[in-house]
Amino acid sequence: MTSLHDSAGTRGAALEPPGQFLTAAGVLIHYVRRGDGPPVVYVHGAKGSVYDFVLSIGDRVAERYTAVAFDRPGSGFSGRAPHDGGSPQAQAAVLRAAAAKLGLERPVLVGHSLGAAVALAWALDAPAEVAAVVTLGGYVLPLGGPPPWVVALMRSRTTLRAVGRLGRSRLGRPLVESAVRRAFYPGRPPQEYLRIAPALALDEARLLSDGDDRKSAEAGLRALQPRYALLDTPVVIVVGEQDRMVPPSMSEKLHALLPQAEIVRLPAAGHMPQFTAPGAVLTAVDRAAELGGV
């Protein structure tokens, strides 16, 4: 079987899409698919891509499942939805359409960070089409955000372009690597991830798309919050207790809203448990598949 890692296209100077493309709901979507068995679909978070799966647990998931990772609209190598496509609900609708085109029936959804909100929105909007959900360091409730003037500044395309230029410069590289290391704390990011992830995240089009997503994310999360109590789909919540990116208390609050959900607390993990605690995440995926009758 071809390895997800081997197909990542990371050896050349330019980043090449590691997967394939399809058009769903009018959006060009990039995905990686490997393995056989019940489907497991991975949805990455803000500034992420399929590499968050390809370079972590992808190969191991593919040993016993059909492992699929999507680049969310506007991220990675996927195209951008033309209008109002940044909310978790809108992104879930596009990825649902993509999964249907691939013939993925009742997948276990694994959502990381903001991708967890996309996965939960998917399950809420189409419960019969989802076997179970696993959240990893889920950004699933509104945070409130920084002061309005900071939000306005970071929504400015001029500002975002300047951030991108700084990040791609020799001066900005240490700042970018510091942010990545903060996400991985208390673990360490693989060197390959340090090379690939910032290059994708700091691309101008992706930066602008991420800025647009942030305009929609908090409003989308406010709309989702009262709906969580209606969710009947099995959920396994995985939280790194040393997460420096999304407060671990958010996963605890989600558990309180979903008392039937199971929660896995990882004392020695942070925001990237798929890299730093892969065994625990794989166990959570297996448990979710069991709960979902897969």
Protein backbone atom coordinates (compact mmCIF):
# COMPACT_ATOMS: atom_id res chain seq x y z
CA MET A 1 0.00 0.00 0.00
CA THR A 2 1.29 3.46 -0.85
CA SER A 3 2.08 5.42 2.28
CA LEU A 4 0.32 8.70 2.95
CA HIS A 5 3.71 10.05 3.98
CA ASP A 6 5.46 8.80 0.84
CA SER A 7 2.83 10.48 -1.34
CA ALA A 8 3.16 13.82 0.41
CA GLY A 9 5.22 15.44 -2.32
CA THR A 10 7.62 16.99 0.18
CA ARG A 11 10.95 16.19 -1.44
CA GLY A 12 10.98 18.83 -4.14
CA ALA A 13 11.55 22.54 -3.74
CA ALA A 14 7.88 23.38 -4.39
CA LEU A 15 4.98 21.92 -2.48
CA GLU A 16 2.87 19.69 -4.68
CA PRO A 17 -0.63 18.56 -3.74
CA PRO A 18 -0.26 15.12 -2.15
CA GLY A 19 -3.76 14.01 -3.10
CA GLN A 20 -6.50 14.42 -5.66
CA PHE A 21 -9.24 16.92 -6.44
CA LEU A 22 -12.99 16.92 -6.87
CA THR A 23 -15.61 19.62 -7.15
CA ALA A 24 -18.29 19.67 -4.44
CA ALA A 25 -20.98 22.33 -4.03
CA GLY A 26 -19.13 24.38 -6.63
CA VAL A 27 -15.81 24.32 -4.72
CA LEU A 28 -12.61 22.59 -5.81
CA ILE A 29 -11.65 20.34 -2.90
CA HIS A 30 -8.29 18.66 -2.38
CA TYR A 31 -8.21 15.37 -0.49
CA VAL A 32 -5.97 12.45 0.35
CA ARG A 33 -7.44 8.95 0.45
CA ARG A 34 -5.75 5.69 1.42
CA GLY A 35 -6.61 2.31 2.89
CA ASP A 36 -9.67 0.09 2.99
CA GLY A 37 -12.41 -0.45 5.49
CA PRO A 38 -14.92 1.78 7.26
CA PRO A 39 -14.35 5.46 6.43
CA VAL A 40 -12.61 7.89 8.76
CA VAL A 41 -12.62 11.53 7.61
CA TYR A 42 -10.16 14.05 9.07
CA VAL A 43 -10.96 17.79 9.12
CA HIS A 44 -8.10 20.13 10.03
CA GLY A 45 -8.21 23.41 11.94
CA ALA A 46 -7.25 27.02 11.21
CA LYS A 47 -4.06 27.44 9.18
CA GLY A 48 -3.93 23.65 8.82
CA SER A 49 -4.08 21.27 5.88
CA VAL A 50 -4.14 17.57 5.01
CA TYR A 51 -0.52 17.49 6.18
CA ASP A 52 -1.78 17.64 9.77
CA PHE A 53 -3.07 14.11 9.10
CA VAL A 54 -0.59 12.90 6.47
CA LEU A 55 2.42 13.58 8.70
CA SER A 56 0.85 12.26 11.92
CA ILE A 57 -1.62 9.36 12.19
CA GLY A 58 -2.67 9.04 8.55
CA ASP A 59 -0.74 5.89 7.69
CA ARG A 60 -1.79 4.16 10.89
CA VAL A 61 -5.46 4.99 10.38
CA ALA A 62 -5.19 3.67 6.81
CA GLU A 63 -4.05 0.28 8.13
CA ARG A 64 -7.62 -0.54 9.17
CA TYR A 65 -9.88 2.19 7.78
CA THR A 66 -10.46 4.10 4.57
CA ALA A 67 -8.55 7.19 5.67
CA VAL A 68 -9.59 10.46 4.03
CA ALA A 69 -8.34 13.96 4.85
CA PHE A 70 -9.88 17.04 3.26
CA ASP A 71 -8.36 20.47 2.88
CA ARG A 72 -11.14 22.75 4.09
CA PRO A 73 -12.37 25.31 1.54
CA GLY A 74 -9.77 28.06 1.26
CA SER A 75 -7.08 26.05 3.07
CA GLY A 76 -4.28 23.81 1.88
CA PHE A 77 -4.80 23.15 -1.82
CA SER A 78 -8.60 23.54 -1.85
CA GLY A 79 -10.44 26.36 -3.55
CA ARG A 80 -12.48 28.97 -1.74
CA ALA A 81 -16.27 29.09 -1.58
CA PRO A 82 -17.38 32.25 -3.44
CA HIS A 83 -19.66 33.70 -0.75
CA ASP A 84 -19.92 33.33 3.05
CA GLY A 85 -18.04 30.04 3.06
CA GLY A 86 -16.06 30.45 6.27
CA SER A 87 -18.50 29.36 8.98
CA PRO A 88 -18.29 25.80 10.36
CA GLN A 89 -21.79 25.16 9.00
CA ALA A 90 -20.94 26.30 5.46
CA GLN A 91 -17.70 24.34 5.41
CA ALA A 92 -19.45 21.24 6.72
CA ALA A 93 -21.96 21.45 3.86
CA VAL A 94 -19.17 21.50 1.26
CA LEU A 95 -17.27 18.61 2.85
CA ARG A 96 -20.48 16.57 3.20
CA ALA A 97 -20.97 16.96 -0.53
CA ALA A 98 -17.36 15.93 -1.14
CA ALA A 99 -17.73 12.84 1.07
CA ALA A 100 -20.91 11.85 -0.78
CA LYS A 101 -19.07 12.12 -4.12
CA LEU A 102 -16.43 9.77 -2.75
CA GLY A 103 -19.07 7.29 -1.61
CA LEU A 104 -18.11 7.58 2.06
CA GLU A 105 -21.08 6.23 4.00
CA ARG A 106 -21.43 7.03 7.71
CA PRO A 107 -17.84 8.06 8.34
CA VAL A 108 -16.26 8.63 11.71
CA LEU A 109 -15.36 12.32 11.62
CA VAL A 110 -12.13 13.42 13.29
CA GLY A 111 -12.04 17.20 13.72
CA HIS A 112 -9.03 19.10 15.00
CA SER A 113 -9.36 22.58 16.54
CA LEU A 114 -11.79 24.57 14.36
CA GLY A 115 -12.24 21.40 12.30
CA ALA A 116 -13.97 19.91 15.34
CA ALA A 117 -16.72 22.53 15.00
CA VAL A 118 -17.02 21.64 11.31
CA ALA A 119 -17.37 17.96 12.23
CA LEU A 120 -20.02 18.69 14.87
CA ALA A 121 -21.95 20.93 12.46
CA TRP A 122 -21.83 18.10 9.91
CA ALA A 123 -23.24 15.65 12.46
CA LEU A 124 -25.94 18.09 13.56
CA ASP A 125 -27.06 18.85 10.00
CA ALA A 126 -26.94 15.25 8.76
CA PRO A 127 -27.02 12.88 11.75
CA ALA A 128 -27.95 9.84 9.68
CA GLU A 129 -24.83 10.35 7.57
CA VAL A 130 -22.29 10.30 10.44
CA ALA A 131 -21.33 7.31 12.57
CA ALA A 132 -19.44 9.23 15.28
CA VAL A 133 -17.27 12.28 15.92
CA VAL A 134 -13.85 12.61 17.54
CA THR A 135 -12.76 16.11 18.57
CA LEU A 136 -9.08 16.93 19.08
CA GLY A 137 -8.40 20.14 20.99
CA GLY A 138 -11.73 21.36 19.71
CA TYR A 139 -12.35 25.07 19.08
CA VAL A 140 -16.08 24.46 19.36
CA LEU A 141 -17.41 27.34 21.48
CA PRO A 142 -17.08 31.11 21.02
CA LEU A 143 -14.03 32.59 22.69
CA GLY A 144 -15.17 36.18 22.51
CA GLY A 145 -12.01 37.20 20.67
CA PRO A 146 -9.67 40.19 21.00
CA PRO A 147 -10.80 43.83 21.16
CA PRO A 148 -12.75 45.05 18.10
CA TRP A 149 -9.90 47.25 16.86
CA VAL A 150 -7.56 44.23 16.80
CA VAL A 151 -10.16 42.17 14.95
CA ALA A 152 -10.62 44.95 12.40
CA LEU A 153 -6.86 45.21 11.92
CA MET A 154 -6.42 41.48 11.38
CA ARG A 155 -9.31 41.42 8.92
CA SER A 156 -7.53 44.00 6.79
CA ARG A 157 -6.17 42.45 3.61
CA THR A 158 -3.29 44.92 3.66
CA THR A 159 -2.36 43.80 7.18
CA LEU A 160 -2.65 40.12 6.30
CA ARG A 161 -0.43 40.56 3.26
CA ALA A 162 2.16 42.31 5.43
CA VAL A 163 1.99 39.46 7.96
CA GLY A 164 2.57 36.99 5.16
CA ARG A 165 5.56 38.87 3.81
CA LEU A 166 7.06 39.09 7.30
CA GLY A 167 6.45 35.41 7.98
CA ARG A 168 8.07 34.37 4.72
CA SER A 169 11.11 36.55 5.37
CA ARG A 170 14.27 35.50 7.15
CA LEU A 171 13.31 37.86 9.98
CA GLY A 172 9.86 36.35 10.39
CA ARG A 173 10.80 32.68 10.21
CA PRO A 174 11.74 32.42 13.93
CA LEU A 175 8.38 33.97 14.85
CA VAL A 176 6.53 31.43 12.71
CA GLU A 177 8.50 28.52 14.12
CA SER A 178 7.82 29.79 17.64
CA ALA A 179 4.07 29.74 16.95
CA VAL A 180 4.28 26.18 15.60
CA ARG A 181 6.27 25.05 18.62
CA ARG A 182 3.65 26.63 20.88
CA ALA A 183 0.97 24.55 19.18
CA PHE A 184 3.00 21.35 19.70
CA TYR A 185 4.00 22.11 23.31
CA PRO A 186 4.99 20.12 25.36
CA GLY A 187 6.01 17.98 22.38
CA ARG A 188 8.12 19.02 19.42
CA PRO A 189 7.05 19.41 15.81
CA PRO A 190 8.69 17.19 13.19
CA GLN A 191 11.18 19.06 11.03
CA GLU A 192 9.17 18.19 7.93
CA TYR A 193 6.10 19.81 9.46
CA LEU A 194 8.11 22.92 10.32
CA ARG A 195 9.03 23.24 6.67
CA ILE A 196 5.66 22.47 5.09
CA ALA A 197 3.00 23.93 7.39
CA PRO A 198 4.28 27.54 7.55
CA ALA A 199 4.85 27.61 3.79
CA LEU A 200 1.20 26.74 3.22
CA ALA A 201 -0.25 28.88 5.99
CA LEU A 202 1.70 32.00 4.94
CA ASP A 203 0.76 31.83 1.28
CA GLU A 204 -1.06 35.09 0.56
CA ALA A 205 -4.29 33.53 -0.73
CA ARG A 206 -4.49 31.15 2.22
CA LEU A 207 -3.80 33.94 4.71
CA LEU A 208 -6.59 36.04 3.24
CA SER A 209 -8.93 33.06 3.30
CA ASP A 210 -8.08 32.35 6.94
CA GLY A 211 -8.80 36.00 7.77
CA ASP A 212 -12.19 35.70 6.09
CA ASP A 213 -12.90 32.49 8.05
CA ARG A 214 -12.27 34.31 11.30
CA LYS A 215 -14.99 36.79 10.41
CA SER A 216 -17.46 33.91 10.34
CA ALA A 217 -16.12 31.48 12.94
CA GLU A 218 -17.30 33.11 16.16
CA ALA A 219 -20.80 33.83 14.80
CA GLY A 220 -21.00 30.26 13.55
CA LEU A 221 -19.94 28.91 16.93
CA ARG A 222 -22.54 31.04 18.71
CA ALA A 223 -25.19 29.51 16.45
CA LEU A 224 -23.90 25.99 17.07
CA GLN A 225 -23.64 26.20 20.85
CA PRO A 226 -27.36 25.85 21.69
CA ARG A 227 -27.69 23.01 19.18
CA TYR A 228 -25.10 20.75 20.79
CA ALA A 229 -27.63 19.46 23.33
CA LEU A 230 -29.64 18.06 20.41
CA LEU A 231 -26.77 15.91 19.14
CA ASP A 232 -27.41 12.17 19.30
CA THR A 233 -24.29 11.12 17.40
CA PRO A 234 -21.63 9.43 19.58
CA VAL A 235 -18.78 11.80 20.41
CA VAL A 236 -15.33 11.16 21.86
CA ILE A 237 -13.64 14.34 23.11
CA VAL A 238 -9.84 14.29 23.22
CA VAL A 239 -8.17 17.15 25.06
CA GLY A 240 -4.52 17.84 25.78
CA GLU A 241 -4.37 19.31 29.24
CA GLN A 242 -1.36 21.45 28.30
CA ASP A 243 -3.00 22.98 25.22
CA ARG A 244 -1.73 26.55 24.75
CA MET A 245 -3.83 27.31 21.68
CA VAL A 246 -7.41 26.40 22.68
CA PRO A 247 -8.21 26.39 26.41
CA PRO A 248 -8.69 22.80 27.64
CA SER A 249 -11.71 24.14 29.54
CA MET A 250 -13.50 24.41 26.19
CA SER A 251 -13.46 20.64 25.79
CA GLU A 252 -14.69 20.30 29.36
CA LYS A 253 -17.56 22.69 28.60
CA LEU A 254 -18.41 20.69 25.48
CA HIS A 255 -18.51 17.56 27.62
CA ALA A 256 -20.92 19.29 29.98
CA LEU A 257 -23.15 20.11 26.99
CA LEU A 258 -22.83 16.52 25.76
CA PRO A 259 -22.98 14.42 28.94
CA GLN A 260 -23.36 11.25 26.87
CA ALA A 261 -20.02 11.92 25.19
CA GLU A 262 -16.82 10.26 26.35
CA ILE A 263 -13.82 12.42 27.19
CA VAL A 264 -10.15 11.47 27.02
CA ARG A 265 -7.84 13.76 28.97
CA LEU A 266 -4.15 13.67 28.03
CA PRO A 267 -2.03 15.18 30.83
CA ALA A 268 1.19 15.30 28.79
CA ALA A 269 -0.25 16.59 25.49
CA GLY A 270 -1.03 19.99 24.01
CA HIS A 271 -2.89 21.15 20.92
CA MET A 272 -1.51 18.55 18.49
CA PRO A 273 -2.23 15.15 20.05
CA GLN A 274 -2.41 13.49 16.63
CA PHE A 275 1.38 14.02 16.55
CA THR A 276 2.36 13.87 20.21
CA ALA A 277 -0.08 11.22 21.49
CA PRO A 278 -0.95 9.21 18.36
CA GLY A 279 -1.73 6.01 20.23
CA ALA A 280 -4.35 7.74 22.37
CA VAL A 281 -5.92 9.38 19.31
CA LEU A 282 -6.06 6.07 17.43
CA THR A 283 -7.69 4.46 20.45
CA ALA A 284 -10.26 7.28 20.46
CA VAL A 285 -10.98 6.70 16.76
CA ASP A 286 -11.47 2.97 17.42
CA ARG A 287 -13.76 3.76 20.35
CA ALA A 288 -15.81 6.18 18.25
CA ALA A 289 -16.15 3.55 15.51
CA GLU A 290 -17.34 1.06 18.11
CA LEU A 291 -19.88 3.51 19.55
CA GLY A 292 -21.09 4.35 16.06
CA GLY A 293 -21.63 0.71 15.14
CA VAL A 294 -18.97 0.79 12.44
